[in-house]
PDB file of N, CA and C in Angstrom:
ATOM      1  N   MET A   1       2.148  -1.102  11.037  1.00  0.00           N
ATOM      2  CA  MET A   1       1.941  -0.672   9.671  1.00  0.00           C
ATOM      3  C   MET A   1       1.878  -1.912   8.777  1.00  0.00           C
ATOM      4  N   ALA A   2       1.017  -1.919   7.819  1.00  0.00           N
ATOM      5  CA  ALA A   2       0.849  -3.061   6.923  1.00  0.00           C
ATOM      6  C   ALA A   2       1.988  -3.090   5.910  1.00  0.00           C
ATOM      7  N   ARG A   3       2.828  -4.104   6.033  1.00  0.00           N
ATOM      8  CA  ARG A   3       3.960  -4.287   5.117  1.00  0.00           C
ATOM      9  C   ARG A   3       4.240  -5.761   4.986  1.00  0.00           C
ATOM     10  N   PRO A   4       4.956  -6.125   3.933  1.00  0.00           N
ATOM     11  CA  PRO A   4       5.369  -7.527   3.863  1.00  0.00           C
ATOM     12  C   PRO A   4       6.240  -7.857   5.069  1.00  0.00           C
ATOM     13  N   GLU A   5       6.065  -9.052   5.635  1.00  0.00           N
ATOM     14  CA  GLU A   5       6.877  -9.445   6.776  1.00  0.00           C
ATOM     15  C   GLU A   5       8.341  -9.551   6.392  1.00  0.00           C
ATOM     16  N   ASN A   6       8.601  -9.980   5.175  1.00  0.00           N
ATOM     17  CA  ASN A   6       9.956 -10.133   4.695  1.00  0.00           C
ATOM     18  C   ASN A   6      10.161  -9.123   3.567  1.00  0.00           C
ATOM     19  N   ARG A   7      11.064  -8.195   3.763  1.00  0.00           N
ATOM     20  CA  ARG A   7      11.271  -7.144   2.760  1.00  0.00           C
ATOM     21  C   ARG A   7      11.639  -7.702   1.388  1.00  0.00           C
ATOM     22  N   SER A   8      12.236  -8.900   1.344  1.00  0.00           N
ATOM     23  CA  SER A   8      12.600  -9.471   0.047  1.00  0.00           C
ATOM     24  C   SER A   8      11.353  -9.816  -0.759  1.00  0.00           C
ATOM     25  N   GLU A   9      10.189  -9.891  -0.105  1.00  0.00           N
ATOM     26  CA  GLU A   9       8.930 -10.157  -0.791  1.00  0.00           C
ATOM     27  C   GLU A   9       8.348  -8.894  -1.418  1.00  0.00           C
ATOM     28  N   ALA A  10       8.866  -7.739  -1.078  1.00  0.00           N
ATOM     29  CA  ALA A  10       8.330  -6.465  -1.554  1.00  0.00           C
ATOM     30  C   ALA A  10       8.717  -6.221  -3.012  1.00  0.00           C
ATOM     31  N   ARG A  11       7.862  -5.525  -3.725  1.00  0.00           N
ATOM     32  CA  ARG A  11       8.119  -5.137  -5.113  1.00  0.00           C
ATOM     33  C   ARG A  11       7.878  -3.644  -5.235  1.00  0.00           C
ATOM     34  N   PRO A  12       8.723  -2.930  -5.968  1.00  0.00           N
ATOM     35  CA  PRO A  12       8.533  -1.482  -6.136  1.00  0.00           C
ATOM     36  C   PRO A  12       7.306  -1.187  -6.997  1.00  0.00           C
ATOM     37  N   LEU A  13       6.682  -0.061  -6.736  1.00  0.00           N
ATOM     38  CA  LEU A  13       5.519   0.376  -7.484  1.00  0.00           C
ATOM     39  C   LEU A  13       5.564   1.892  -7.562  1.00  0.00           C
ATOM     40  N   SER A  14       5.280   2.417  -8.720  1.00  0.00           N
ATOM     41  CA  SER A  14       5.256   3.860  -8.905  1.00  0.00           C
ATOM     42  C   SER A  14       3.815   4.283  -9.179  1.00  0.00           C
ATOM     43  N   LEU A  15       3.373   5.344  -8.530  1.00  0.00           N
ATOM     44  CA  LEU A  15       2.002   5.832  -8.692  1.00  0.00           C
ATOM     45  C   LEU A  15       1.995   7.298  -9.107  1.00  0.00           C
ATOM     46  N   THR A  16       1.000   7.655  -9.874  1.00  0.00           N
ATOM     47  CA  THR A  16       0.733   9.059 -10.173  1.00  0.00           C
ATOM     48  C   THR A  16      -0.626   9.372  -9.572  1.00  0.00           C
ATOM     49  N   LEU A  17      -0.667  10.384  -8.711  1.00  0.00           N
ATOM     50  CA  LEU A  17      -1.886  10.720  -7.980  1.00  0.00           C
ATOM     51  C   LEU A  17      -2.357  12.124  -8.305  1.00  0.00           C
ATOM     52  N   PRO A  18      -3.652  12.362  -8.146  1.00  0.00           N
ATOM     53  CA  PRO A  18      -4.131  13.740  -8.224  1.00  0.00           C
ATOM     54  C   PRO A  18      -3.462  14.556  -7.110  1.00  0.00           C
ATOM     55  N   ILE A  19      -3.226  15.816  -7.360  1.00  0.00           N
ATOM     56  CA  ILE A  19      -2.522  16.663  -6.392  1.00  0.00           C
ATOM     57  C   ILE A  19      -3.239  16.708  -5.048  1.00  0.00           C
ATOM     58  N   GLU A  20      -4.564  16.692  -5.065  1.00  0.00           N
ATOM     59  CA  GLU A  20      -5.319  16.728  -3.806  1.00  0.00           C
ATOM     60  C   GLU A  20      -5.058  15.473  -2.975  1.00  0.00           C
ATOM     61  N   THR A  21      -4.982  14.326  -3.636  1.00  0.00           N
ATOM     62  CA  THR A  21      -4.703  13.074  -2.939  1.00  0.00           C
ATOM     63  C   THR A  21      -3.293  13.081  -2.371  1.00  0.00           C
ATOM     64  N   PHE A  22      -2.337  13.522  -3.182  1.00  0.00           N
ATOM     65  CA  PHE A  22      -0.952  13.593  -2.718  1.00  0.00           C
ATOM     66  C   PHE A  22      -0.850  14.519  -1.504  1.00  0.00           C
ATOM     67  N   ASN A  23      -1.484  15.683  -1.590  1.00  0.00           N
ATOM     68  CA  ASN A  23      -1.433  16.641  -0.476  1.00  0.00           C
ATOM     69  C   ASN A  23      -2.043  16.054   0.794  1.00  0.00           C
ATOM     70  N   TYR A  24      -3.085  15.249   0.647  1.00  0.00           N
ATOM     71  CA  TYR A  24      -3.689  14.610   1.813  1.00  0.00           C
ATOM     72  C   TYR A  24      -2.731  13.596   2.427  1.00  0.00           C
ATOM     73  N   LEU A  25      -2.010  12.851   1.585  1.00  0.00           N
ATOM     74  CA  LEU A  25      -1.002  11.921   2.096  1.00  0.00           C
ATOM     75  C   LEU A  25       0.092  12.674   2.850  1.00  0.00           C
ATOM     76  N   VAL A  26       0.491  13.816   2.329  1.00  0.00           N
ATOM     77  CA  VAL A  26       1.487  14.655   3.012  1.00  0.00           C
ATOM     78  C   VAL A  26       0.953  15.094   4.372  1.00  0.00           C
ATOM     79  N   LEU A  27      -0.319  15.497   4.420  1.00  0.00           N
ATOM     80  CA  LEU A  27      -0.932  15.918   5.689  1.00  0.00           C
ATOM     81  C   LEU A  27      -0.934  14.763   6.697  1.00  0.00           C
ATOM     82  N   LEU A  28      -1.344  13.577   6.249  1.00  0.00           N
ATOM     83  CA  LEU A  28      -1.340  12.419   7.150  1.00  0.00           C
ATOM     84  C   LEU A  28       0.067  12.120   7.653  1.00  0.00           C
ATOM     85  N   ALA A  29       1.038  12.199   6.765  1.00  0.00           N
ATOM     86  CA  ALA A  29       2.431  11.941   7.154  1.00  0.00           C
ATOM     87  C   ALA A  29       2.920  12.985   8.150  1.00  0.00           C
ATOM     88  N   SER A  30       2.529  14.238   7.949  1.00  0.00           N
ATOM     89  CA  SER A  30       2.990  15.302   8.855  1.00  0.00           C
ATOM     90  C   SER A  30       2.425  15.126  10.260  1.00  0.00           C
ATOM     91  N   HIS A  31       1.313  14.413  10.372  1.00  0.00           N
ATOM     92  CA  HIS A  31       0.725  14.110  11.680  1.00  0.00           C
ATOM     93  C   HIS A  31       1.164  12.743  12.199  1.00  0.00           C
ATOM     94  N   GLY A  32       2.035  12.079  11.439  1.00  0.00           N
ATOM     95  CA  GLY A  32       2.559  10.790  11.865  1.00  0.00           C
ATOM     96  C   GLY A  32       1.542   9.663  11.790  1.00  0.00           C
ATOM     97  N   GLN A  33       0.497   9.843  11.009  1.00  0.00           N
ATOM     98  CA  GLN A  33      -0.516   8.807  10.875  1.00  0.00           C
ATOM     99  C   GLN A  33      -0.140   7.873   9.730  1.00  0.00           C
ATOM    100  N   PHE A  34       0.013   6.596  10.029  1.00  0.00           N
ATOM    101  CA  PHE A  34       0.281   5.558   9.041  1.00  0.00           C
ATOM    102  C   PHE A  34       1.689   5.597   8.458  1.00  0.00           C
ATOM    103  N   GLY A  35       2.530   6.522   8.848  1.00  0.00           N
ATOM    104  CA  GLY A  35       3.892   6.591   8.341  1.00  0.00           C
ATOM    105  C   GLY A  35       4.458   7.988   8.487  1.00  0.00           C
ATOM    106  N   ARG A  36       5.755   8.103   8.202  1.00  0.00           N
ATOM    107  CA  ARG A  36       6.431   9.399   8.342  1.00  0.00           C
ATOM    108  C   ARG A  36       6.519  10.176   7.035  1.00  0.00           C
ATOM    109  N   THR A  37       6.343   9.482   5.911  1.00  0.00           N
ATOM    110  CA  THR A  37       6.416  10.135   4.604  1.00  0.00           C
ATOM    111  C   THR A  37       5.145   9.814   3.822  1.00  0.00           C
ATOM    112  N   GLU A  38       4.911  10.573   2.780  1.00  0.00           N
ATOM    113  CA  GLU A  38       3.724  10.300   1.960  1.00  0.00           C
ATOM    114  C   GLU A  38       3.810   8.919   1.317  1.00  0.00           C
ATOM    115  N   ASN A  39       5.027   8.465   0.975  1.00  0.00           N
ATOM    116  CA  ASN A  39       5.183   7.128   0.404  1.00  0.00           C
ATOM    117  C   ASN A  39       4.843   6.042   1.425  1.00  0.00           C
ATOM    118  N   GLU A  40       5.276   6.208   2.667  1.00  0.00           N
ATOM    119  CA  GLU A  40       4.941   5.233   3.705  1.00  0.00           C
ATOM    120  C   GLU A  40       3.435   5.201   3.955  1.00  0.00           C
ATOM    121  N   VAL A  41       2.804   6.364   3.972  1.00  0.00           N
ATOM    122  CA  VAL A  41       1.359   6.439   4.176  1.00  0.00           C
ATOM    123  C   VAL A  41       0.635   5.751   3.020  1.00  0.00           C
ATOM    124  N   ALA A  42       1.034   6.055   1.791  1.00  0.00           N
ATOM    125  CA  ALA A  42       0.397   5.447   0.618  1.00  0.00           C
ATOM    126  C   ALA A  42       0.571   3.935   0.639  1.00  0.00           C
ATOM    127  N   THR A  43       1.759   3.463   0.993  1.00  0.00           N
ATOM    128  CA  THR A  43       2.020   2.032   1.060  1.00  0.00           C
ATOM    129  C   THR A  43       1.120   1.385   2.107  1.00  0.00           C
ATOM    130  N   HIS A  44       1.046   1.979   3.279  1.00  0.00           N
ATOM    131  CA  HIS A  44       0.221   1.439   4.349  1.00  0.00           C
ATOM    132  C   HIS A  44      -1.243   1.324   3.910  1.00  0.00           C
ATOM    133  N   LEU A  45      -1.779   2.393   3.348  1.00  0.00           N
ATOM    134  CA  LEU A  45      -3.190   2.402   2.958  1.00  0.00           C
ATOM    135  C   LEU A  45      -3.475   1.421   1.820  1.00  0.00           C
ATOM    136  N   LEU A  46      -2.588   1.372   0.842  1.00  0.00           N
ATOM    137  CA  LEU A  46      -2.790   0.473  -0.296  1.00  0.00           C
ATOM    138  C   LEU A  46      -2.728  -0.998   0.134  1.00  0.00           C
ATOM    139  N   VAL A  47      -1.726  -1.346   0.940  1.00  0.00           N
ATOM    140  CA  VAL A  47      -1.590  -2.721   1.408  1.00  0.00           C
ATOM    141  C   VAL A  47      -2.772  -3.095   2.294  1.00  0.00           C
ATOM    142  N   ARG A  48      -3.162  -2.192   3.187  1.00  0.00           N
ATOM    143  CA  ARG A  48      -4.290  -2.467   4.085  1.00  0.00           C
ATOM    144  C   ARG A  48      -5.570  -2.723   3.295  1.00  0.00           C
ATOM    145  N   GLU A  49      -5.845  -1.898   2.310  1.00  0.00           N
ATOM    146  CA  GLU A  49      -7.067  -2.047   1.519  1.00  0.00           C
ATOM    147  C   GLU A  49      -7.024  -3.297   0.649  1.00  0.00           C
ATOM    148  N   ALA A  50      -5.889  -3.565   0.025  1.00  0.00           N
ATOM    149  CA  ALA A  50      -5.770  -4.766  -0.810  1.00  0.00           C
ATOM    150  C   ALA A  50      -5.934  -6.034   0.036  1.00  0.00           C
ATOM    151  N   ASN A  51      -5.328  -6.058   1.220  1.00  0.00           N
ATOM    152  CA  ASN A  51      -5.475  -7.218   2.106  1.00  0.00           C
ATOM    153  C   ASN A  51      -6.923  -7.384   2.551  1.00  0.00           C
ATOM    154  N   ALA A  52      -7.593  -6.291   2.866  1.00  0.00           N
ATOM    155  CA  ALA A  52      -8.999  -6.358   3.280  1.00  0.00           C
ATOM    156  C   ALA A  52      -9.872  -6.885   2.144  1.00  0.00           C
ATOM    157  N   MET A  53      -9.583  -6.469   0.915  1.00  0.00           N
ATOM    158  CA  MET A  53     -10.342  -6.957  -0.235  1.00  0.00           C
ATOM    159  C   MET A  53     -10.144  -8.456  -0.414  1.00  0.00           C
ATOM    160  N   MET A  54      -8.913  -8.925  -0.259  1.00  0.00           N
ATOM    161  CA  MET A  54      -8.642 -10.360  -0.388  1.00  0.00           C
ATOM    162  C   MET A  54      -9.345 -11.145   0.716  1.00  0.00           C
ATOM    163  N   GLU A  55      -9.320 -10.615   1.952  1.00  0.00           N
ATOM    164  CA  GLU A  55      -9.972 -11.290   3.073  1.00  0.00           C
ATOM    165  C   GLU A  55     -11.487 -11.358   2.888  1.00  0.00           C
ATOM    166  N   ARG A  56     -12.073 -10.335   2.283  1.00  0.00           N
ATOM    167  CA  ARG A  56     -13.520 -10.319   2.041  1.00  0.00           C
ATOM    168  C   ARG A  56     -13.902 -11.215   0.870  1.00  0.00           C
ATOM    169  N   GLY A  57     -12.914 -11.736   0.156  1.00  0.00           N
ATOM    170  CA  GLY A  57     -13.198 -12.613  -0.965  1.00  0.00           C
ATOM    171  C   GLY A  57     -13.760 -11.882  -2.162  1.00  0.00           C
ATOM    172  N   ILE A  58     -13.266 -10.688  -2.425  1.00  0.00           N
ATOM    173  CA  ILE A  58     -13.742  -9.896  -3.556  1.00  0.00           C
ATOM    174  C   ILE A  58     -13.595 -10.677  -4.860  1.00  0.00           C
ATOM    175  N   HIS A  59     -12.559 -11.488  -4.951  1.00  0.00           N
ATOM    176  CA  HIS A  59     -12.315 -12.286  -6.148  1.00  0.00           C
ATOM    177  C   HIS A  59     -12.546 -13.760  -5.835  1.00  0.00           C
ATOM    178  N   ASP A  60     -12.830 -14.531  -6.841  1.00  0.00           N
ATOM    179  CA  ASP A  60     -13.131 -15.943  -6.656  1.00  0.00           C
ATOM    180  C   ASP A  60     -11.917 -16.767  -6.246  1.00  0.00           C
ATOM    181  N   ARG A  61     -10.728 -16.285  -6.545  1.00  0.00           N
ATOM    182  CA  ARG A  61      -9.538 -17.069  -6.231  1.00  0.00           C
ATOM    183  C   ARG A  61      -8.397 -16.136  -5.856  1.00  0.00           C
ATOM    184  N   ARG A  62      -7.382 -16.697  -5.207  1.00  0.00           N
ATOM    185  CA  ARG A  62      -6.193 -15.917  -4.878  1.00  0.00           C
ATOM    186  C   ARG A  62      -5.428 -15.584  -6.142  1.00  0.00           C
ATOM    187  N   ILE A  63      -4.846 -14.442  -6.168  1.00  0.00           N
ATOM    188  CA  ILE A  63      -4.019 -14.028  -7.290  1.00  0.00           C
ATOM    189  C   ILE A  63      -2.644 -14.655  -7.095  1.00  0.00           C
ATOM    190  N   PRO A  64      -2.134 -15.404  -8.068  1.00  0.00           N
ATOM    191  CA  PRO A  64      -0.825 -16.036  -7.895  1.00  0.00           C
ATOM    192  C   PRO A  64       0.298 -14.994  -7.888  1.00  0.00           C
ATOM    193  N   ALA A  65       1.342 -15.311  -7.172  1.00  0.00           N
ATOM    194  CA  ALA A  65       2.507 -14.426  -7.140  1.00  0.00           C
ATOM    195  C   ALA A  65       3.175 -14.433  -8.512  1.00  0.00           C
ATOM    196  N   PRO A  66       3.748 -13.297  -8.901  1.00  0.00           N
ATOM    197  CA  PRO A  66       4.451 -13.278 -10.190  1.00  0.00           C
ATOM    198  C   PRO A  66       5.686 -14.155 -10.126  1.00  0.00           C
ATOM    199  N   PRO A  67       6.130 -14.671 -11.261  1.00  0.00           N
ATOM    200  CA  PRO A  67       7.353 -15.495 -11.246  1.00  0.00           C
ATOM    201  C   PRO A  67       8.545 -14.654 -10.829  1.00  0.00           C
ATOM    202  N   ASP A  68       9.514 -15.311 -10.201  1.00  0.00           N
ATOM    203  CA  ASP A  68      10.741 -14.603  -9.799  1.00  0.00           C
ATOM    204  C   ASP A  68      11.430 -14.072 -11.041  1.00  0.00           C
ATOM    205  N   GLU A  69      11.981 -12.892 -10.857  1.00  0.00           N
ATOM    206  CA  GLU A  69      12.678 -12.255 -12.003  1.00  0.00           C
ATOM    207  C   GLU A  69      14.113 -12.656 -12.048  1.00  0.00           C
TER     208      GLU A  69
END
């Protein structure tokens, strides 16, 4: 599953989704695809897509990490 290698690198994120999208995440989770919960599935898909976009060079430069809080 696509996740930060070091959990201390992770940052919380809250999302609001259309009900159809949320229900699809629940369906994927119920089949054990990409995670056991809808949050794990959403995290996996979001990280996978963001990493793929960075690898394809969608942007001209790397996005710098936010400063430590």
